[in-house]
Each structure stands twice: as structure tokens, then as C-alpha cells.
């Protein structure tokens, strides 16, 4: 690992898990500290008088990066909160079907199941293979699971456990043709793959700023399409519910103030976007391409060491890659092996049962596979994956 690029990561650890919580470089943390100092210097002025302007500036900058209409953009603490916010605002009828798939994130599937239970609806989980041969398999699996009762689809742009880039544009378009709206879990997308929220046309979209944008923890975005904004409200109902609108909208006022909190993580996202882009001559396109190339190289080194076939086309990878580890049969074994790699080899990498518990038939079945997922960020280098490959070979 390189330690001269601004990150505070422990130099004694081979850190291959940027995908879980990200990592924030020191210059971005310094920008957040400066905002916190201003907040504490005059809290009333900062929070009561100036905050709405600060939020508007940050929203415009983040909206420009995501190609997302700022009028539909709200800041939330994380993408899971974005998912829960939408599901808490929607209502379904008994017998309605909420469509998802078995590559989704455990927390968001829990939220979907809770919404279904609340309203007497049913969660339908499409089976998508892993290893996977093509994006067509993803589209076909989702399309085949749609029925006249399907009301909403919860789908990832980039899957968490298996690290696959789904063909989200094709999925959203296919579902809209069938009268089904999509809630896109784009937790990993900003800063990993190109994002154009407006062109995507999804009903709801949520993504993190603390992962691949390298912003501070507690910074994420929720976007709602214009025709649906009146029906979506924050999880915390505060003064915005009856604040005079003036030149704003109810959506805007409700989400901009949900009570006293530290807003500096969200306000620092424009700094993160700008600072990261300035680190290489080609800006964000170069970062995306370099991280993708390193993830593919690292994946290829691992599957070569394990003697297994390619689990997914290179075109379905961003800055992460999942590798099946056949010898691990349970969630407990997967977690224990990850802890062993950390304790014995000082390698931080997640190994997770797939599908996750919330995607299995009764939540207790054994996973079909254990998946080791590597990440590639600017501080990583080929030797990191060499170290992991050697550790896997030694472990047998």
C-alpha cells in the first residue's frame, strides 16, 4: 500500500476493504474540521441563518457531479437511510409484490421485508447466478420475475457482497416498460462508476458519499424523481412540515432541516469531489479507469492462485471484485477466515456468505457460497493482492 497520498490508514495493514466504509484523506477531513470550527464559533448563525445556503451550494455541486437535478436531491446519513426513507413513505396493498434479487445488501433487504410485513405485501427474490456470464443474465432473471402484482423493485447499481456492476440503465427501462418503478441502491456507485441520475429515470436513487467519493462518514444522497417528490418525506418530521414555502418546496424544506445535527459531512462532499479529481491529470475518469484496472488485475491474481474460473466479465466490475471461496460453507466459517487473514497476515478483506441471510428462504439457510471481495483505491498497489494471494495459498 502507498502511504504518501493523504490517507490515514494503518501502515501495518494491507487494506483491501475500501468498499465497506471508504476512507477519507486528510485534506478532506481538514475541510470538514474548518466547517466544524465555524459551526462551534457561532452555532446560531451557522445553523439558523447560514445553513440553508450552505446546503444549497453543496447540493448544486453534488448534483452536477451526479448529473442529478438538485431540486430532487437531499442529504441523508447513509444509503440505508435513503432506502428506509423511501420505503417508510410508500404504502402497498395486501398481495402486492416487492421485487429484488439475491445479490442485494442484507440491511436493505431487511428494510424491504419490514415494509412488506407492515402492509401485507410479499418480497420476491429473483435468483441471479454467481459466477455470472453476462449482464443479460441479470436482466433476464429480473424480467422473468415480474408479475402483474409487482409494485416496486429494489436493485443495486453495484452489488455489495459480489461486487458486480449491474446493467442498471437496462433494468430501470425494462421495469418502467412493465409499469414497475425502481428504487436504486447506488451505495457504491458515486466515485466508482459513471453516474447520470437524470438520464437513468429511476423513481428513487440513493448513494453514499463516504465510500468511493472519499467524503466524511455520514454523507449520502437521496434523489427522488420530480413527479414523486410530494409523496416522500424524511424519517424525522420536524419544522419543515408546516414551514411557509416561500420560494422553496415542501420536499426541500423537510429534508434540509430534521433537527440539530452536525451537517459538515454533507457540506464537505464538494471538497472531496474536487480534491480527488485534482490528484491525477485525467480527473475522475482516470480514477475510475485506474481503480477498475487494478481491481481486475487483483481479481485475476487471486483466481489464478485459487485455480478457479473467472466469476464475472471484466465489464461487470468497477473498483471491487468478488471471488468465490469454495472451502467455506457457512457464514461463521467465512467470518472466521476473514478474521484469520487479519490476525495472521494483517490483511483487511471481507469474506461473506452469499446470498446474505435476508435473501435466503427462511433467513437461516446456509449460503450457497462464500465470497471474498477485494477493493481497489488509489492507495492500493499490485503487491497488496500478491500478499492476499500468497495468504490464500498458505491457508490451503
Protein backbone atom coordinates (compact mmCIF):
# COMPACT_ATOMS: atom_id res chain seq x y z
CA UNK A 1 0.00 0.00 0.00
CA UNK A 2 1.05 3.54 -0.65
CA UNK A 3 1.01 5.90 2.33
CA UNK A 4 2.02 9.15 0.64
CA UNK A 5 -1.38 10.06 -0.83
CA UNK A 6 -3.15 11.65 2.12
CA UNK A 7 -4.93 8.72 3.75
CA UNK A 8 -4.53 7.92 7.48
CA UNK A 9 -4.75 4.13 7.04
CA UNK A 10 -2.68 1.93 9.35
CA UNK A 11 0.62 1.26 7.51
CA UNK A 12 0.81 -2.16 9.12
CA UNK A 13 -2.39 -3.35 7.41
CA UNK A 14 -2.95 -4.37 3.80
CA UNK A 15 -6.29 -2.61 3.42
CA UNK A 16 -8.40 -4.20 0.67
CA UNK A 17 -11.79 -3.17 2.01
CA UNK A 18 -12.42 0.37 0.86
CA UNK A 19 -15.88 -0.80 -0.18
CA UNK A 20 -17.26 -1.19 3.35
CA UNK A 21 -16.79 2.27 4.87
CA UNK A 22 -14.44 4.05 2.49
CA UNK A 23 -11.51 6.06 3.79
CA UNK A 24 -11.24 9.84 3.93
CA UNK A 25 -7.97 11.63 3.04
CA UNK A 26 -6.55 14.20 5.44
CA UNK A 27 -7.19 17.29 3.21
CA UNK A 28 -10.89 16.43 3.11
CA UNK A 29 -11.00 15.86 6.85
CA UNK A 30 -9.28 19.23 7.29
CA UNK A 31 -12.00 20.89 5.23
CA UNK A 32 -14.62 19.31 7.47
CA UNK A 33 -12.78 20.45 10.61
CA UNK A 34 -12.77 24.01 9.31
CA UNK A 35 -16.54 23.89 8.90
CA UNK A 36 -16.98 22.41 12.35
CA UNK A 37 -14.88 25.22 13.80
CA UNK A 38 -17.17 27.78 12.15
CA UNK A 39 -20.22 25.94 13.44
CA UNK A 40 -18.96 25.98 17.03
CA UNK A 41 -17.70 29.58 16.77
CA UNK A 42 -21.27 30.84 16.18
CA UNK A 43 -23.80 27.96 16.27
CA UNK A 44 -26.88 30.18 15.87
CA UNK A 45 -25.58 31.94 12.78
CA UNK A 46 -24.30 28.72 11.22
CA UNK A 47 -27.36 26.52 11.83
CA UNK A 48 -30.21 29.05 11.84
CA UNK A 49 -29.14 31.67 9.33
CA UNK A 50 -26.45 30.27 7.03
CA UNK A 51 -27.08 26.54 6.81
CA UNK A 52 -29.74 26.64 4.11
CA UNK A 53 -27.34 28.50 1.83
CA UNK A 54 -24.50 26.08 2.60
CA UNK A 55 -26.76 23.11 1.84
CA UNK A 56 -27.89 24.66 -1.44
CA UNK A 57 -24.27 25.17 -2.54
CA UNK A 58 -23.32 21.61 -1.63
CA UNK A 59 -26.43 20.21 -3.27
CA UNK A 60 -25.71 22.05 -6.51
CA UNK A 61 -22.12 20.78 -6.61
CA UNK A 62 -23.04 17.18 -5.81
CA UNK A 63 -25.97 17.34 -8.23
CA UNK A 64 -23.64 18.48 -11.01
CA UNK A 65 -21.27 15.58 -10.31
CA UNK A 66 -24.11 13.04 -10.31
CA UNK A 67 -25.97 14.69 -13.20
CA UNK A 68 -28.94 14.87 -10.84
CA UNK A 69 -31.49 17.66 -10.68
CA UNK A 70 -30.62 19.37 -7.38
CA UNK A 71 -34.31 20.06 -6.72
CA UNK A 72 -34.78 16.34 -6.10
CA UNK A 73 -31.60 15.82 -4.10
CA UNK A 74 -31.49 15.54 -0.31
CA UNK A 75 -28.67 14.71 2.07
CA UNK A 76 -29.06 11.70 4.37
CA UNK A 77 -26.53 9.99 6.67
CA UNK A 78 -26.10 6.86 4.51
CA UNK A 79 -27.71 4.97 1.65
CA UNK A 80 -29.50 2.60 4.03
CA UNK A 81 -31.29 5.62 5.47
CA UNK A 82 -32.17 6.64 1.92
CA UNK A 83 -33.73 3.22 1.27
CA UNK A 84 -35.66 3.29 4.55
CA UNK A 85 -36.85 6.83 3.89
CA UNK A 86 -38.48 5.86 0.60
CA UNK A 87 -40.00 2.65 1.94
CA UNK A 88 -41.39 4.45 5.00
CA UNK A 89 -43.16 6.94 2.72
CA UNK A 90 -44.71 4.37 0.40
CA UNK A 91 -47.76 2.18 1.07
CA UNK A 92 -48.61 -1.14 -0.54
CA UNK A 93 -51.71 -3.30 -0.67
CA UNK A 94 -52.03 -6.87 0.61
CA UNK A 95 -50.77 -9.20 -2.07
CA UNK A 96 -48.52 -6.61 -3.74
CA UNK A 97 -45.08 -7.88 -4.68
CA UNK A 98 -41.82 -6.08 -3.96
CA UNK A 99 -39.16 -7.35 -6.32
CA UNK A 100 -35.48 -7.68 -5.51
CA UNK A 101 -32.66 -10.19 -6.10
CA UNK A 102 -30.27 -12.40 -4.20
CA UNK A 103 -27.23 -10.15 -4.67
CA UNK A 104 -28.69 -7.34 -2.57
CA UNK A 105 -27.44 -5.94 0.73
CA UNK A 106 -28.68 -7.54 3.95
CA UNK A 107 -29.71 -4.24 5.59
CA UNK A 108 -31.74 -3.01 2.63
CA UNK A 109 -33.43 -6.40 2.22
CA UNK A 110 -34.38 -6.21 5.89
CA UNK A 111 -35.93 -2.80 5.23
CA UNK A 112 -37.83 -4.16 2.23
CA UNK A 113 -39.14 -7.12 4.24
CA UNK A 114 -40.23 -4.78 7.04
CA UNK A 115 -42.21 -2.62 4.58
CA UNK A 116 -43.81 -5.72 3.08
CA UNK A 117 -44.75 -7.06 6.52
CA UNK A 118 -46.23 -3.70 7.52
CA UNK A 119 -48.60 -3.64 4.55
CA UNK A 120 -49.25 -7.33 3.91
CA UNK A 121 -47.16 -7.33 0.74
CA UNK A 122 -44.67 -10.00 -0.34
CA UNK A 123 -40.97 -9.82 -1.15
CA UNK A 124 -40.00 -11.72 -4.31
CA UNK A 125 -36.29 -12.53 -4.68
CA UNK A 126 -35.02 -13.11 -8.22
CA UNK A 127 -32.18 -15.64 -8.45
CA UNK A 128 -29.14 -14.32 -10.33
CA UNK A 129 -26.23 -16.75 -10.70
CA UNK A 130 -22.74 -16.23 -9.37
CA UNK A 131 -20.44 -16.80 -11.10
CA UNK A 132 -22.27 -14.87 -13.79
CA UNK A 133 -21.56 -14.97 -17.52
CA UNK A 134 -23.10 -11.72 -18.75
CA UNK A 135 -25.27 -8.73 -17.90
CA UNK A 136 -28.01 -10.35 -19.96
CA UNK A 137 -28.44 -12.96 -17.23
CA UNK A 138 -29.21 -10.22 -14.73
CA UNK A 139 -31.80 -8.56 -16.96
CA UNK A 140 -33.44 -11.88 -17.82
CA UNK A 141 -33.64 -13.01 -14.19
CA UNK A 142 -35.28 -9.76 -13.09
CA UNK A 143 -37.67 -9.57 -16.06
CA UNK A 144 -38.82 -13.16 -15.62
CA UNK A 145 -39.79 -12.47 -12.01
CA UNK A 146 -42.11 -9.52 -12.76
CA UNK A 147 -45.82 -10.25 -12.40
CA UNK A 148 -48.98 -8.11 -12.59
CA UNK A 149 -48.67 -7.71 -8.80
CA UNK A 150 -45.15 -6.23 -8.87
CA UNK A 151 -45.26 -2.69 -7.45
CA UNK A 152 -41.64 -1.76 -6.78
CA UNK A 153 -38.16 -3.12 -7.47
CA UNK A 154 -35.21 -2.61 -5.14
CA UNK A 155 -32.00 -3.13 -7.15
CA UNK A 156 -28.34 -2.25 -6.70
CA UNK A 157 -26.21 -0.44 -9.24
CA UNK A 158 -23.16 -2.13 -7.72
CA UNK A 159 -23.79 -5.17 -5.52
CA UNK A 160 -22.17 -5.22 -2.11
CA UNK A 161 -21.30 -8.87 -1.50
CA UNK A 162 -20.41 -9.97 -5.03
CA UNK A 163 -19.05 -6.63 -6.29
CA UNK A 164 -20.93 -6.72 -9.61
CA UNK A 165 -21.91 -3.70 -11.67
CA UNK A 166 -25.49 -4.39 -12.69
CA UNK A 167 -26.84 -3.05 -16.02
CA UNK A 168 -28.97 -0.60 -14.08
CA UNK A 169 -29.98 1.51 -17.09
CA UNK A 170 -31.39 -1.54 -18.86
CA UNK A 171 -33.10 -2.77 -15.71
CA UNK A 172 -34.82 0.52 -14.94
CA UNK A 173 -36.00 0.90 -18.54
CA UNK A 174 -37.24 -2.70 -18.73
CA UNK A 175 -39.19 -2.35 -15.50
CA UNK A 176 -40.73 1.00 -16.44
CA UNK A 177 -41.99 -0.54 -19.66
CA UNK A 178 -43.79 -3.07 -17.47
CA UNK A 179 -45.20 -0.37 -15.19
CA UNK A 180 -42.80 -1.03 -12.30
CA UNK A 181 -40.82 1.73 -10.63
CA UNK A 182 -37.31 1.14 -9.25
CA UNK A 183 -35.59 2.16 -6.04
CA UNK A 184 -31.89 2.11 -6.92
CA UNK A 185 -29.42 1.26 -4.18
CA UNK A 186 -26.38 3.08 -5.56
CA UNK A 187 -24.41 2.90 -2.31
CA UNK A 188 -21.17 2.11 -4.17
CA UNK A 189 -21.80 3.94 -7.44
CA UNK A 190 -20.67 7.57 -6.88
CA UNK A 191 -16.94 7.68 -7.48
CA UNK A 192 -16.75 4.09 -8.74
CA UNK A 193 -18.72 4.10 -11.99
CA UNK A 194 -20.15 6.85 -14.20
CA UNK A 195 -23.46 8.12 -12.81
CA UNK A 196 -26.19 10.06 -14.61
CA UNK A 197 -29.19 10.08 -12.30
CA UNK A 198 -31.41 12.24 -14.51
CA UNK A 199 -30.85 10.08 -17.58
CA UNK A 200 -31.41 6.89 -15.57
CA UNK A 201 -35.01 7.88 -14.95
CA UNK A 202 -35.46 5.77 -11.82
CA UNK A 203 -38.16 6.74 -9.36
CA UNK A 204 -35.77 6.80 -6.41
CA UNK A 205 -31.98 6.71 -6.16
CA UNK A 206 -29.67 6.76 -3.15
CA UNK A 207 -25.87 6.70 -2.96
CA UNK A 208 -23.09 7.17 -0.44
CA UNK A 209 -20.53 9.95 -0.30
CA UNK A 210 -18.26 8.27 2.24
CA UNK A 211 -17.29 5.29 0.07
CA UNK A 212 -15.78 5.93 -3.38
CA UNK A 213 -16.15 9.72 -3.25
CA UNK A 214 -13.92 9.53 -0.14
CA UNK A 215 -16.03 12.05 1.75
CA UNK A 216 -16.50 12.07 5.53
CA UNK A 217 -18.63 9.43 7.23
CA UNK A 218 -22.28 10.39 7.48
CA UNK A 219 -22.65 11.86 3.98
CA UNK A 220 -25.05 10.30 1.49
CA UNK A 221 -27.64 11.41 -1.05
CA UNK A 222 -31.27 10.58 -1.77
CA UNK A 223 -32.79 11.64 -5.10
CA UNK A 224 -36.47 11.47 -6.00
CA UNK A 225 -37.92 11.97 -9.47
CA UNK A 226 -39.93 15.18 -9.87
CA UNK A 227 -43.35 13.53 -10.22
CA UNK A 228 -42.92 11.61 -6.94
CA UNK A 229 -41.36 14.17 -4.60
CA UNK A 230 -44.58 15.23 -2.89
CA UNK A 231 -45.05 11.69 -1.59
CA UNK A 232 -41.60 11.24 0.00
CA UNK A 233 -40.90 12.59 3.48
CA UNK A 234 -37.89 12.27 5.80
CA UNK A 235 -37.87 9.73 8.60
CA UNK A 236 -37.77 12.67 11.04
CA UNK A 237 -40.68 15.09 10.73
CA UNK A 238 -39.65 18.49 12.01
CA UNK A 239 -40.34 22.19 11.43
CA UNK A 240 -40.36 21.76 7.66
CA UNK A 241 -43.77 20.07 7.77
CA UNK A 242 -45.50 23.42 8.25
CA UNK A 243 -42.82 25.96 7.37
CA UNK A 244 -44.04 28.59 4.88
CA UNK A 245 -42.80 27.53 1.46
CA UNK A 246 -41.80 30.95 0.09
CA UNK A 247 -39.63 30.07 -2.94
CA UNK A 248 -38.85 26.51 -1.83
CA UNK A 249 -40.74 23.20 -1.93
CA UNK A 250 -42.08 21.01 0.86
CA UNK A 251 -39.61 18.26 -0.15
CA UNK A 252 -36.73 20.70 0.07
CA UNK A 253 -37.71 22.27 3.41
CA UNK A 254 -38.48 18.96 5.13
CA UNK A 255 -35.18 17.33 4.18
CA UNK A 256 -32.99 20.38 4.80
CA UNK A 257 -33.84 20.52 8.49
CA UNK A 258 -34.56 17.42 10.58
CA UNK A 259 -33.31 18.73 13.92
CA UNK A 260 -29.95 19.58 15.40
CA UNK A 261 -27.12 17.56 13.89
CA UNK A 262 -23.63 18.05 12.52
CA UNK A 263 -24.16 18.78 8.79
CA UNK A 264 -20.48 19.20 7.96
CA UNK A 265 -20.02 15.76 6.38
CA UNK A 266 -22.51 16.56 3.63
CA UNK A 267 -21.21 20.12 3.25
CA UNK A 268 -17.70 18.73 2.66
CA UNK A 269 -18.68 16.45 -0.24
CA UNK A 270 -17.88 19.15 -2.86
CA UNK A 271 -14.37 19.38 -1.37
CA UNK A 272 -13.99 15.62 -1.68
CA UNK A 273 -15.14 15.64 -5.30
CA UNK A 274 -12.77 18.48 -6.19
CA UNK A 275 -9.76 17.20 -4.23
CA UNK A 276 -9.96 13.67 -5.61
CA UNK A 277 -10.30 14.94 -9.19
CA UNK A 278 -7.18 17.06 -8.77
CA UNK A 279 -4.97 14.12 -7.77
CA UNK A 280 -4.48 12.84 -11.32
CA UNK A 281 -4.29 14.65 -14.68
CA UNK A 282 -7.38 12.92 -16.02
CA UNK A 283 -9.59 13.67 -13.02
CA UNK A 284 -12.41 11.33 -12.11
CA UNK A 285 -12.45 9.41 -15.41
CA UNK A 286 -8.81 8.47 -14.82
CA UNK A 287 -9.51 7.45 -11.21
CA UNK A 288 -12.42 5.24 -12.26
CA UNK A 289 -10.38 3.60 -15.03
CA UNK A 290 -7.29 3.04 -12.87
CA UNK A 291 -9.25 1.56 -9.97
CA UNK A 292 -11.14 -0.73 -12.35
CA UNK A 293 -7.92 -1.93 -13.96
CA UNK A 294 -6.36 -2.62 -10.56
CA UNK A 295 -9.45 -4.50 -9.34
CA UNK A 296 -9.38 -6.70 -12.45
CA UNK A 297 -5.65 -7.32 -12.03
CA UNK A 298 -6.10 -8.20 -8.37
CA UNK A 299 -9.04 -10.50 -9.13
CA UNK A 300 -7.05 -12.29 -11.82
CA UNK A 301 -4.16 -12.84 -9.44
CA UNK A 302 -6.49 -14.37 -6.86
CA UNK A 303 -8.35 -16.70 -9.20
CA UNK A 304 -5.01 -17.82 -10.62
CA UNK A 305 -3.80 -18.68 -7.12
CA UNK A 306 -7.05 -20.49 -6.31
CA UNK A 307 -7.28 -22.23 -9.67
CA UNK A 308 -10.86 -21.16 -10.36
CA UNK A 309 -12.50 -19.69 -13.47
CA UNK A 310 -13.33 -16.03 -13.96
CA UNK A 311 -16.50 -15.40 -11.89
CA UNK A 312 -17.74 -12.38 -13.88
CA UNK A 313 -16.87 -10.48 -17.06
CA UNK A 314 -14.48 -7.57 -16.62
CA UNK A 315 -17.24 -5.30 -17.93
CA UNK A 316 -19.33 -6.12 -14.84
CA UNK A 317 -16.66 -4.88 -12.44
CA UNK A 318 -15.98 -1.43 -11.11
CA UNK A 319 -13.48 -0.92 -8.29
CA UNK A 320 -14.41 -4.15 -6.50
CA UNK A 321 -14.37 -7.82 -7.42
CA UNK A 322 -15.89 -10.84 -5.72
CA UNK A 323 -14.11 -14.20 -5.71
CA UNK A 324 -15.89 -17.39 -4.55
CA UNK A 325 -14.09 -19.31 -1.81
CA UNK A 326 -15.50 -22.82 -2.13
CA UNK A 327 -13.94 -24.31 1.01
CA UNK A 328 -16.05 -22.11 3.32
CA UNK A 329 -19.55 -23.50 3.80
CA UNK A 330 -21.17 -21.28 6.44
CA UNK A 331 -21.39 -17.64 7.48
CA UNK A 332 -19.41 -18.45 10.61
CA UNK A 333 -16.61 -20.09 8.64
CA UNK A 334 -16.45 -17.14 6.24
CA UNK A 335 -16.22 -14.59 9.06
CA UNK A 336 -13.65 -16.69 10.91
CA UNK A 337 -11.42 -16.96 7.84
CA UNK A 338 -11.55 -13.19 7.33
CA UNK A 339 -10.51 -12.73 10.96
CA UNK A 340 -7.70 -15.23 10.47
CA UNK A 341 -6.35 -13.29 7.48
CA UNK A 342 -6.37 -10.15 9.61
CA UNK A 343 -4.77 -11.75 12.66
CA UNK A 344 -2.10 -13.78 10.88
CA UNK A 345 -1.41 -11.83 7.68
CA UNK A 346 -2.56 -8.31 8.58
CA UNK A 347 -4.90 -8.24 5.59
CA UNK A 348 -8.26 -6.48 5.88
CA UNK A 349 -10.65 -8.03 3.36
CA UNK A 350 -14.31 -9.10 3.76
CA UNK A 351 -15.48 -12.67 3.24
CA UNK A 352 -19.26 -13.04 3.35
CA UNK A 353 -21.82 -15.76 2.84
CA UNK A 354 -23.80 -15.32 -0.37
CA UNK A 355 -26.69 -14.81 -0.61
CA UNK A 356 -26.92 -12.81 2.60
CA UNK A 357 -29.30 -14.04 5.28
CA UNK A 358 -32.17 -11.75 4.30
CA UNK A 359 -32.07 -13.12 0.73
CA UNK A 360 -32.38 -16.76 1.76
CA UNK A 361 -35.62 -18.69 2.01
CA UNK A 362 -36.02 -18.52 5.78
CA UNK A 363 -33.05 -16.36 6.75
CA UNK A 364 -31.27 -19.31 8.35
CA UNK A 365 -30.29 -21.49 5.40
CA UNK A 366 -26.61 -21.93 4.69
CA UNK A 367 -25.18 -19.69 1.96
CA UNK A 368 -24.57 -21.16 -1.48
CA UNK A 369 -21.04 -19.75 -1.47
CA UNK A 370 -18.61 -17.62 0.49
CA UNK A 371 -17.37 -14.59 -1.44
CA UNK A 372 -14.11 -12.77 -0.80
CA UNK A 373 -14.42 -9.20 -2.08
CA UNK A 374 -11.42 -7.04 -2.90
CA UNK A 375 -11.45 -3.28 -3.38
CA UNK A 376 -9.09 -1.09 -5.39
CA UNK A 377 -8.47 2.53 -4.41
CA UNK A 378 -5.61 4.87 -5.22
CA UNK A 379 -3.59 3.83 -2.18
CA UNK A 380 -3.63 0.17 -3.28
CA UNK A 381 -0.97 -1.41 -5.49
CA UNK A 382 -0.42 -4.84 -7.10
CA UNK A 383 1.70 -6.08 -4.19
CA UNK A 384 -1.38 -5.88 -1.93
CA UNK A 385 -3.13 -8.55 -3.99
CA UNK A 386 0.07 -10.59 -4.20
CA UNK A 387 0.11 -10.66 -0.40
CA UNK A 388 -3.50 -11.83 -0.31
CA UNK A 389 -2.92 -14.49 -2.97
CA UNK A 390 0.04 -15.85 -1.01
CA UNK A 391 -2.02 -15.93 2.19
CA UNK A 392 -4.81 -17.84 0.45
CA UNK A 393 -2.36 -20.39 -0.93
CA UNK A 394 -0.81 -20.91 2.51
CA UNK A 395 -4.25 -21.36 4.03
CA UNK A 396 -4.96 -24.12 1.53
